[in-house]
C-alpha atoms as a PDB file:
ATOM      1  CA  MET A   1     109.006 132.169  85.973  1.00  0.00           C
ATOM      2  CA  SER A   2     106.810 129.863  83.917  1.00  0.00           C
ATOM      3  CA  ASP A   3     104.481 128.792  86.750  1.00  0.00           C
ATOM      4  CA  GLN A   4     100.947 130.128  86.289  1.00  0.00           C
ATOM      5  CA  VAL A   5      98.800 130.917  89.322  1.00  0.00           C
ATOM      6  CA  LYS A   6      96.045 128.341  89.476  1.00  0.00           C
ATOM      7  CA  THR A   7      92.662 129.644  90.702  1.00  0.00           C
ATOM      8  CA  CYS A   8      89.523 127.935  92.041  1.00  0.00           C
ATOM      9  CA  ILE A   9      86.932 127.159  89.353  1.00  0.00           C
ATOM     10  CA  ASN A  10      84.216 128.279  91.737  1.00  0.00           C
ATOM     11  CA  CYS A  11      85.451 131.324  93.674  1.00  0.00           C
ATOM     12  CA  GLY A  12      88.486 132.398  91.549  1.00  0.00           C
ATOM     13  CA  LYS A  13      90.899 132.636  94.573  1.00  0.00           C
ATOM     14  CA  PRO A  14      94.400 131.337  94.295  1.00  0.00           C
ATOM     15  CA  LEU A  15      94.849 127.659  95.050  1.00  0.00           C
ATOM     16  CA  GLN A  16      97.412 126.019  97.391  1.00  0.00           C
ATOM     17  CA  ASP A  17      99.456 122.980  96.472  1.00  0.00           C
ATOM     18  CA  ARG A  18     100.846 119.881  98.149  1.00  0.00           C
ATOM     19  CA  VAL A  19     103.022 117.101  96.789  1.00  0.00           C
ATOM     20  CA  GLU A  20     101.720 113.482  96.842  1.00  0.00           C
ATOM     21  CA  GLU A  21     103.504 110.286  95.930  1.00  0.00           C
ATOM     22  CA  GLU A  22     101.771 107.264  94.547  1.00  0.00           C
ATOM     23  CA  GLU A  23     103.513 103.825  94.438  1.00  0.00           C
ATOM     24  CA  ARG A  24     103.549 102.103  91.119  1.00  0.00           C
ATOM     25  CA  THR A  25     104.016  98.508  92.111  1.00  0.00           C
ATOM     26  CA  GLY A  26     102.302  95.316  91.061  1.00  0.00           C
ATOM     27  CA  THR A  27     101.107  96.715  87.791  1.00  0.00           C
ATOM     28  CA  GLY A  28     102.941  94.167  85.648  1.00  0.00           C
ATOM     29  CA  VAL A  29     105.031  96.765  83.885  1.00  0.00           C
ATOM     30  CA  SER A  30     108.621  95.992  84.605  1.00  0.00           C
ATOM     31  CA  ARG A  31     109.629  99.702  84.435  1.00  0.00           C
ATOM     32  CA  SER A  32     107.392 100.554  87.332  1.00  0.00           C
ATOM     33  CA  ASN A  33     108.583  98.111  90.030  1.00  0.00           C
ATOM     34  CA  GLY A  34     109.735  99.915  93.089  1.00  0.00           C
ATOM     35  CA  GLU A  35     109.159 103.422  91.693  1.00  0.00           C
ATOM     36  CA  CYS A  36     106.724 106.191  92.687  1.00  0.00           C
ATOM     37  CA  SER A  37     104.702 108.698  90.690  1.00  0.00           C
ATOM     38  CA  THR A  38     104.854 112.118  92.137  1.00  0.00           C
ATOM     39  CA  TYR A  39     102.076 114.611  91.700  1.00  0.00           C
ATOM     40  CA  ARG A  40     101.388 118.203  92.698  1.00  0.00           C
ATOM     41  CA  VAL A  41      97.868 118.492  93.871  1.00  0.00           C
ATOM     42  CA  TRP A  42      96.091 121.830  93.898  1.00  0.00           C
ATOM     43  CA  PHE A  43      93.162 122.622  96.247  1.00  0.00           C
ATOM     44  CA  CYS A  44      90.990 125.500  97.278  1.00  0.00           C
ATOM     45  CA  ILE A  45      91.846 127.188 100.657  1.00  0.00           C
ATOM     46  CA  ASN A  46      88.979 129.649 100.744  1.00  0.00           C
ATOM     47  CA  PRO A  47      86.764 128.612 103.703  1.00  0.00           C
ATOM     48  CA  ASP A  48      83.761 130.527 102.203  1.00  0.00           C
ATOM     49  CA  CYS A  49      83.912 128.449  98.959  1.00  0.00           C
ATOM     50  CA  VAL A  50      81.839 125.306  98.369  1.00  0.00           C
ATOM     51  CA  MET A  51      85.128 123.822  96.904  1.00  0.00           C
ATOM     52  CA  TYR A  52      86.999 124.335 100.186  1.00  0.00           C
ATOM     53  CA  LYS A  53      89.706 121.656 100.625  1.00  0.00           C
ATOM     54  CA  THR A  54      88.637 119.997  97.431  1.00  0.00           C
ATOM     55  CA  ASP A  55      91.395 118.673  95.141  1.00  0.00           C
ATOM     56  CA  LEU A  56      90.880 120.455  91.832  1.00  0.00           C
ATOM     57  CA  TYR A  57      93.952 119.744  89.813  1.00  0.00           C
ATOM     58  CA  LYS A  58      96.523 116.944  89.783  1.00  0.00           C
ATOM     59  CA  GLU A  59      99.608 117.435  87.717  1.00  0.00           C
ATOM     60  CA  PRO A  60     102.484 114.942  87.412  1.00  0.00           C
ATOM     61  CA  ILE A  61     105.958 115.854  88.513  1.00  0.00           C
ATOM     62  CA  ALA A  62     108.725 114.045  86.624  1.00  0.00           C
ATOM     63  CA  ASP A  63     110.204 111.086  88.556  1.00  0.00           C
ATOM     64  CA  GLN A  64     113.709 111.987  89.493  1.00  0.00           C
ATOM     65  CA  PRO A  65     116.263 109.197  90.116  1.00  0.00           C
ATOM     66  CA  GLU A  66     118.151 109.307  93.426  1.00  0.00           C
ATOM     67  CA  SER A  67     121.747 110.546  93.074  1.00  0.00           C
END
């Protein structure tokens, strides 16, 4: 596996991730009409940490055309 475990910049505990989609419409770029950008957002799940539930990393996931 090439996935690295991401850790909190404050407490060092492993982060959890979720996937978010962001619409790219109305930007004036013809390529982006009707498409979405998909991101994996990493956040801290340690309730004792000051960064608890704070989004720390946002990495793009390649857009995949529907088949």
